[in-house]
């Protein structure tokens, strides 16, 4: 999607007036940058949706743009600076039908930033709080919110992946879906700060 740049003609006219009169240039009201048309926005979104689905299975280890806990753990051990981890779970633990769903402050992956699913994600995108120069990994309880968030970020141009099975496959102390004995015990941080990944 191309966005037209503001014309520089007013600035050139002001400079010419200054040179001609040796006095202060007349005040020139700045013009607002041109906005893309609705049709251009729709075309750009359609192209990104098409690209998303056309390349969903290019790499079988990341089917539908997922990354496994084993792969993420290995990559974080090698170089955590390449990643920006977005934890979209609720900030605190919640209990549903007697089952505890661990929130961000209960346990989270070291380095993960809490951006709860919903309006907070939209605000983070609008505020440019999610970097576009890193691989984004979205994390939730079991993968549903993470997959939805990663898909949206991809449509907006981010290099994003959802953590497959998310926290349920990261550590046995969190929400476990697979047989518990098959879940690794990768590092966790408790509290409201992201912490630092230290293998």
C-alpha atoms as a PDB file:
ATOM      1  CA  UNK A   1       0.000   0.000   0.000  1.00  0.00           C
ATOM      2  CA  UNK A   2       1.473   3.365  -1.034  1.00  0.00           C
ATOM      3  CA  UNK A   3       0.679   6.519   0.867  1.00  0.00           C
ATOM      4  CA  UNK A   4       1.187   9.851  -0.913  1.00  0.00           C
ATOM      5  CA  UNK A   5       3.719  12.142   0.705  1.00  0.00           C
ATOM      6  CA  UNK A   6       2.903  15.747   1.571  1.00  0.00           C
ATOM      7  CA  UNK A   7       3.814  18.208  -1.182  1.00  0.00           C
ATOM      8  CA  UNK A   8       6.889  20.360  -0.508  1.00  0.00           C
ATOM      9  CA  UNK A   9       5.680  23.219  -2.748  1.00  0.00           C
ATOM     10  CA  UNK A  10       4.523  25.436   0.179  1.00  0.00           C
ATOM     11  CA  UNK A  11       8.003  25.258   1.708  1.00  0.00           C
ATOM     12  CA  UNK A  12       9.654  26.132  -1.620  1.00  0.00           C
ATOM     13  CA  UNK A  13       7.336  29.124  -2.108  1.00  0.00           C
ATOM     14  CA  UNK A  14       8.106  30.345   1.396  1.00  0.00           C
ATOM     15  CA  UNK A  15      11.862  30.095   0.758  1.00  0.00           C
ATOM     16  CA  UNK A  16      11.491  32.007  -2.537  1.00  0.00           C
ATOM     17  CA  UNK A  17       9.548  34.786  -0.794  1.00  0.00           C
ATOM     18  CA  UNK A  18      12.258  35.065   1.862  1.00  0.00           C
ATOM     19  CA  UNK A  19      14.986  35.422  -0.751  1.00  0.00           C
ATOM     20  CA  UNK A  20      12.992  37.938  -2.786  1.00  0.00           C
ATOM     21  CA  UNK A  21      12.022  40.235   0.035  1.00  0.00           C
ATOM     22  CA  UNK A  22      14.750  39.539   2.603  1.00  0.00           C
ATOM     23  CA  UNK A  23      11.971  39.555   5.133  1.00  0.00           C
ATOM     24  CA  UNK A  24      10.206  36.826   7.043  1.00  0.00           C
ATOM     25  CA  UNK A  25       8.265  34.371   4.896  1.00  0.00           C
ATOM     26  CA  UNK A  26       4.485  34.464   4.986  1.00  0.00           C
ATOM     27  CA  UNK A  27       2.884  31.920   7.284  1.00  0.00           C
ATOM     28  CA  UNK A  28       1.966  28.760   5.398  1.00  0.00           C
ATOM     29  CA  UNK A  29      -0.533  26.401   6.940  1.00  0.00           C
ATOM     30  CA  UNK A  30       0.810  22.822   6.926  1.00  0.00           C
ATOM     31  CA  UNK A  31      -1.229  20.463   4.831  1.00  0.00           C
ATOM     32  CA  UNK A  32      -2.384  17.121   6.197  1.00  0.00           C
ATOM     33  CA  UNK A  33      -0.839  13.992   4.671  1.00  0.00           C
ATOM     34  CA  UNK A  34      -3.018  12.381   2.028  1.00  0.00           C
ATOM     35  CA  UNK A  35      -4.901   9.324   3.273  1.00  0.00           C
ATOM     36  CA  UNK A  36      -5.279   6.173   1.183  1.00  0.00           C
ATOM     37  CA  UNK A  37      -8.710   5.632  -0.307  1.00  0.00           C
ATOM     38  CA  UNK A  38     -11.084   3.002   1.051  1.00  0.00           C
ATOM     39  CA  UNK A  39     -10.594   1.010  -2.143  1.00  0.00           C
ATOM     40  CA  UNK A  40      -6.791   1.058  -1.676  1.00  0.00           C
ATOM     41  CA  UNK A  41      -7.138  -0.134   1.932  1.00  0.00           C
ATOM     42  CA  UNK A  42      -9.525  -2.932   0.902  1.00  0.00           C
ATOM     43  CA  UNK A  43      -7.146  -4.018  -1.874  1.00  0.00           C
ATOM     44  CA  UNK A  44      -4.176  -4.084   0.512  1.00  0.00           C
ATOM     45  CA  UNK A  45      -6.112  -6.140   3.082  1.00  0.00           C
ATOM     46  CA  UNK A  46      -7.311  -8.578   0.405  1.00  0.00           C
ATOM     47  CA  UNK A  47      -3.730  -9.061  -0.813  1.00  0.00           C
ATOM     48  CA  UNK A  48      -2.478  -9.765   2.702  1.00  0.00           C
ATOM     49  CA  UNK A  49      -5.302 -12.232   3.382  1.00  0.00           C
ATOM     50  CA  UNK A  50      -4.485 -14.032   0.124  1.00  0.00           C
ATOM     51  CA  UNK A  51      -0.783 -14.132   1.023  1.00  0.00           C
ATOM     52  CA  UNK A  52      -1.591 -15.391   4.527  1.00  0.00           C
ATOM     53  CA  UNK A  53      -3.529 -18.397   3.237  1.00  0.00           C
ATOM     54  CA  UNK A  54      -1.286 -19.078   0.237  1.00  0.00           C
ATOM     55  CA  UNK A  55       1.744 -19.497   2.505  1.00  0.00           C
ATOM     56  CA  UNK A  56       0.094 -21.043   5.575  1.00  0.00           C
ATOM     57  CA  UNK A  57       1.718 -24.444   5.056  1.00  0.00           C
ATOM     58  CA  UNK A  58       5.052 -23.510   3.463  1.00  0.00           C
ATOM     59  CA  UNK A  59       6.927 -24.724   6.530  1.00  0.00           C
ATOM     60  CA  UNK A  60       5.363 -27.816   8.081  1.00  0.00           C
ATOM     61  CA  UNK A  61       6.883 -27.086  11.488  1.00  0.00           C
ATOM     62  CA  UNK A  62       4.922 -23.849  11.580  1.00  0.00           C
ATOM     63  CA  UNK A  63       1.593 -24.930  10.122  1.00  0.00           C
ATOM     64  CA  UNK A  64      -0.764 -21.946  10.045  1.00  0.00           C
ATOM     65  CA  UNK A  65       2.051 -19.826  11.449  1.00  0.00           C
ATOM     66  CA  UNK A  66       2.632 -21.624  14.722  1.00  0.00           C
ATOM     67  CA  UNK A  67       5.860 -22.265  16.576  1.00  0.00           C
ATOM     68  CA  UNK A  68       6.267 -25.191  18.976  1.00  0.00           C
ATOM     69  CA  UNK A  69       7.324 -24.749  22.580  1.00  0.00           C
ATOM     70  CA  UNK A  70      10.443 -26.845  21.897  1.00  0.00           C
ATOM     71  CA  UNK A  71      11.434 -24.654  18.970  1.00  0.00           C
ATOM     72  CA  UNK A  72      10.756 -21.413  20.850  1.00  0.00           C
ATOM     73  CA  UNK A  73      12.736 -22.603  23.873  1.00  0.00           C
ATOM     74  CA  UNK A  74      15.705 -23.494  21.655  1.00  0.00           C
ATOM     75  CA  UNK A  75      15.526 -20.170  19.802  1.00  0.00           C
ATOM     76  CA  UNK A  76      15.297 -18.183  23.043  1.00  0.00           C
ATOM     77  CA  UNK A  77      18.335 -20.042  24.374  1.00  0.00           C
ATOM     78  CA  UNK A  78      20.254 -19.108  21.215  1.00  0.00           C
ATOM     79  CA  UNK A  79      19.198 -15.436  20.980  1.00  0.00           C
ATOM     80  CA  UNK A  80      16.180 -14.058  22.858  1.00  0.00           C
ATOM     81  CA  UNK A  81      16.700 -10.579  21.341  1.00  0.00           C
ATOM     82  CA  UNK A  82      15.207 -11.743  18.013  1.00  0.00           C
ATOM     83  CA  UNK A  83      11.798 -12.258  19.608  1.00  0.00           C
ATOM     84  CA  UNK A  84       9.048 -10.120  21.104  1.00  0.00           C
ATOM     85  CA  UNK A  85       6.718 -12.290  23.184  1.00  0.00           C
ATOM     86  CA  UNK A  86       3.135 -11.100  23.585  1.00  0.00           C
ATOM     87  CA  UNK A  87       1.136 -12.815  26.348  1.00  0.00           C
ATOM     88  CA  UNK A  88      -2.550 -12.174  25.627  1.00  0.00           C
ATOM     89  CA  UNK A  89      -3.911 -13.999  28.686  1.00  0.00           C
ATOM     90  CA  UNK A  90      -5.740 -12.139  31.428  1.00  0.00           C
ATOM     91  CA  UNK A  91      -3.396 -10.378  33.859  1.00  0.00           C
ATOM     92  CA  UNK A  92      -4.512 -12.462  36.871  1.00  0.00           C
ATOM     93  CA  UNK A  93      -5.536 -16.047  37.552  1.00  0.00           C
ATOM     94  CA  UNK A  94      -9.213 -16.836  37.010  1.00  0.00           C
ATOM     95  CA  UNK A  95     -11.291 -19.801  38.172  1.00  0.00           C
ATOM     96  CA  UNK A  96     -13.882 -21.330  35.851  1.00  0.00           C
ATOM     97  CA  UNK A  97     -15.943 -24.305  37.014  1.00  0.00           C
ATOM     98  CA  UNK A  98     -13.372 -24.991  39.727  1.00  0.00           C
ATOM     99  CA  UNK A  99     -10.440 -24.995  37.303  1.00  0.00           C
ATOM    100  CA  UNK A 100      -7.722 -22.358  37.674  1.00  0.00           C
ATOM    101  CA  UNK A 101      -6.637 -20.631  34.482  1.00  0.00           C
ATOM    102  CA  UNK A 102      -3.259 -19.121  35.241  1.00  0.00           C
ATOM    103  CA  UNK A 103      -2.993 -15.481  34.234  1.00  0.00           C
ATOM    104  CA  UNK A 104       0.112 -13.525  33.324  1.00  0.00           C
ATOM    105  CA  UNK A 105       1.075 -12.687  36.909  1.00  0.00           C
ATOM    106  CA  UNK A 106       0.664 -16.332  37.973  1.00  0.00           C
ATOM    107  CA  UNK A 107       3.321 -17.656  35.586  1.00  0.00           C
ATOM    108  CA  UNK A 108       4.606 -16.469  32.227  1.00  0.00           C
ATOM    109  CA  UNK A 109       7.470 -17.087  29.837  1.00  0.00           C
ATOM    110  CA  UNK A 110      10.514 -14.968  30.753  1.00  0.00           C
ATOM    111  CA  UNK A 111      10.579 -11.829  28.618  1.00  0.00           C
ATOM    112  CA  UNK A 112       6.886 -11.995  27.651  1.00  0.00           C
ATOM    113  CA  UNK A 113       4.970  -8.710  27.771  1.00  0.00           C
ATOM    114  CA  UNK A 114       1.379  -8.697  29.013  1.00  0.00           C
ATOM    115  CA  UNK A 115      -1.018  -7.317  26.390  1.00  0.00           C
ATOM    116  CA  UNK A 116      -4.418  -8.854  27.267  1.00  0.00           C
ATOM    117  CA  UNK A 117      -6.597 -10.115  24.414  1.00  0.00           C
ATOM    118  CA  UNK A 118      -9.137  -7.542  23.250  1.00  0.00           C
ATOM    119  CA  UNK A 119      -8.917  -3.748  23.290  1.00  0.00           C
ATOM    120  CA  UNK A 120      -5.408  -3.783  24.801  1.00  0.00           C
ATOM    121  CA  UNK A 121      -4.060  -5.521  21.676  1.00  0.00           C
ATOM    122  CA  UNK A 122      -5.734  -2.943  19.417  1.00  0.00           C
ATOM    123  CA  UNK A 123      -4.246  -0.119  21.504  1.00  0.00           C
ATOM    124  CA  UNK A 124      -0.759  -1.668  21.436  1.00  0.00           C
ATOM    125  CA  UNK A 125      -0.948  -1.868  17.636  1.00  0.00           C
ATOM    126  CA  UNK A 126      -2.165   1.741  17.349  1.00  0.00           C
ATOM    127  CA  UNK A 127       0.572   2.931  19.737  1.00  0.00           C
ATOM    128  CA  UNK A 128       3.299   1.003  17.853  1.00  0.00           C
ATOM    129  CA  UNK A 129       4.058  -0.873  21.086  1.00  0.00           C
ATOM    130  CA  UNK A 130       4.637  -4.108  19.154  1.00  0.00           C
ATOM    131  CA  UNK A 131       7.859  -3.913  17.114  1.00  0.00           C
ATOM    132  CA  UNK A 132       7.886  -4.775  13.420  1.00  0.00           C
ATOM    133  CA  UNK A 133      11.619  -5.573  13.352  1.00  0.00           C
ATOM    134  CA  UNK A 134      11.337  -8.717  15.516  1.00  0.00           C
ATOM    135  CA  UNK A 135       9.581 -12.055  15.300  1.00  0.00           C
ATOM    136  CA  UNK A 136       6.409 -11.794  17.354  1.00  0.00           C
ATOM    137  CA  UNK A 137       5.204 -14.847  19.281  1.00  0.00           C
ATOM    138  CA  UNK A 138       1.717 -14.666  20.739  1.00  0.00           C
ATOM    139  CA  UNK A 139       0.920 -16.722  23.831  1.00  0.00           C
ATOM    140  CA  UNK A 140      -2.337 -17.568  25.584  1.00  0.00           C
ATOM    141  CA  UNK A 141      -3.772 -20.451  27.618  1.00  0.00           C
ATOM    142  CA  UNK A 142      -4.117 -23.175  24.985  1.00  0.00           C
ATOM    143  CA  UNK A 143      -3.592 -21.437  21.633  1.00  0.00           C
ATOM    144  CA  UNK A 144      -6.942 -20.042  20.505  1.00  0.00           C
ATOM    145  CA  UNK A 145      -6.420 -16.377  21.410  1.00  0.00           C
ATOM    146  CA  UNK A 146      -2.763 -16.646  20.385  1.00  0.00           C
ATOM    147  CA  UNK A 147      -3.688 -17.906  16.901  1.00  0.00           C
ATOM    148  CA  UNK A 148      -6.308 -15.194  16.394  1.00  0.00           C
ATOM    149  CA  UNK A 149      -3.870 -12.488  17.493  1.00  0.00           C
ATOM    150  CA  UNK A 150      -1.006 -13.811  15.353  1.00  0.00           C
ATOM    151  CA  UNK A 151      -3.272 -13.947  12.288  1.00  0.00           C
ATOM    152  CA  UNK A 152      -4.365 -10.347  12.811  1.00  0.00           C
ATOM    153  CA  UNK A 153      -0.774  -9.185  13.295  1.00  0.00           C
ATOM    154  CA  UNK A 154       0.270 -10.949  10.085  1.00  0.00           C
ATOM    155  CA  UNK A 155      -2.473  -9.181   8.150  1.00  0.00           C
ATOM    156  CA  UNK A 156      -1.052  -5.913   9.477  1.00  0.00           C
ATOM    157  CA  UNK A 157       2.443  -6.762   8.264  1.00  0.00           C
ATOM    158  CA  UNK A 158       4.037  -8.244  11.404  1.00  0.00           C
ATOM    159  CA  UNK A 159       6.220 -11.363  11.322  1.00  0.00           C
ATOM    160  CA  UNK A 160       4.066 -13.201  13.880  1.00  0.00           C
ATOM    161  CA  UNK A 161       3.564 -16.774  15.069  1.00  0.00           C
ATOM    162  CA  UNK A 162       1.294 -18.307  17.702  1.00  0.00           C
ATOM    163  CA  UNK A 163       2.839 -20.577  20.321  1.00  0.00           C
ATOM    164  CA  UNK A 164       1.362 -24.028  19.611  1.00  0.00           C
ATOM    165  CA  UNK A 165      -0.734 -25.113  22.633  1.00  0.00           C
ATOM    166  CA  UNK A 166       0.715 -22.020  24.338  1.00  0.00           C
ATOM    167  CA  UNK A 167       1.156 -22.188  28.128  1.00  0.00           C
ATOM    168  CA  UNK A 168      -0.497 -25.610  28.327  1.00  0.00           C
ATOM    169  CA  UNK A 169       2.624 -27.073  26.694  1.00  0.00           C
ATOM    170  CA  UNK A 170       5.301 -24.810  28.225  1.00  0.00           C
ATOM    171  CA  UNK A 171       5.457 -25.961  31.842  1.00  0.00           C
ATOM    172  CA  UNK A 172       3.652 -28.514  34.014  1.00  0.00           C
ATOM    173  CA  UNK A 173       2.791 -25.749  36.527  1.00  0.00           C
ATOM    174  CA  UNK A 174       0.550 -24.003  33.999  1.00  0.00           C
ATOM    175  CA  UNK A 175      -2.684 -24.999  32.272  1.00  0.00           C
ATOM    176  CA  UNK A 176      -1.865 -28.475  30.963  1.00  0.00           C
ATOM    177  CA  UNK A 177      -3.845 -30.008  28.089  1.00  0.00           C
ATOM    178  CA  UNK A 178      -1.585 -32.789  26.805  1.00  0.00           C
ATOM    179  CA  UNK A 179      -0.747 -35.688  29.153  1.00  0.00           C
ATOM    180  CA  UNK A 180       1.125 -33.921  31.943  1.00  0.00           C
ATOM    181  CA  UNK A 181       4.175 -36.191  31.806  1.00  0.00           C
ATOM    182  CA  UNK A 182       4.798 -35.102  28.183  1.00  0.00           C
ATOM    183  CA  UNK A 183       4.890 -31.388  29.038  1.00  0.00           C
ATOM    184  CA  UNK A 184       8.374 -29.934  29.594  1.00  0.00           C
ATOM    185  CA  UNK A 185       9.295 -27.671  32.477  1.00  0.00           C
ATOM    186  CA  UNK A 186      10.639 -24.657  30.621  1.00  0.00           C
ATOM    187  CA  UNK A 187      11.456 -21.497  32.624  1.00  0.00           C
ATOM    188  CA  UNK A 188       8.704 -19.373  34.174  1.00  0.00           C
ATOM    189  CA  UNK A 189       8.471 -15.938  35.771  1.00  0.00           C
ATOM    190  CA  UNK A 190       5.889 -14.952  38.387  1.00  0.00           C
ATOM    191  CA  UNK A 191       4.608 -11.400  38.804  1.00  0.00           C
ATOM    192  CA  UNK A 192       3.806  -8.408  36.655  1.00  0.00           C
ATOM    193  CA  UNK A 193       7.277  -7.786  35.148  1.00  0.00           C
ATOM    194  CA  UNK A 194       8.385  -9.523  31.929  1.00  0.00           C
ATOM    195  CA  UNK A 195      11.648 -10.778  33.426  1.00  0.00           C
ATOM    196  CA  UNK A 196      14.613 -11.985  31.380  1.00  0.00           C
ATOM    197  CA  UNK A 197      15.082 -15.311  29.644  1.00  0.00           C
ATOM    198  CA  UNK A 198      17.962 -17.208  31.294  1.00  0.00           C
ATOM    199  CA  UNK A 199      18.268 -20.846  30.155  1.00  0.00           C
END
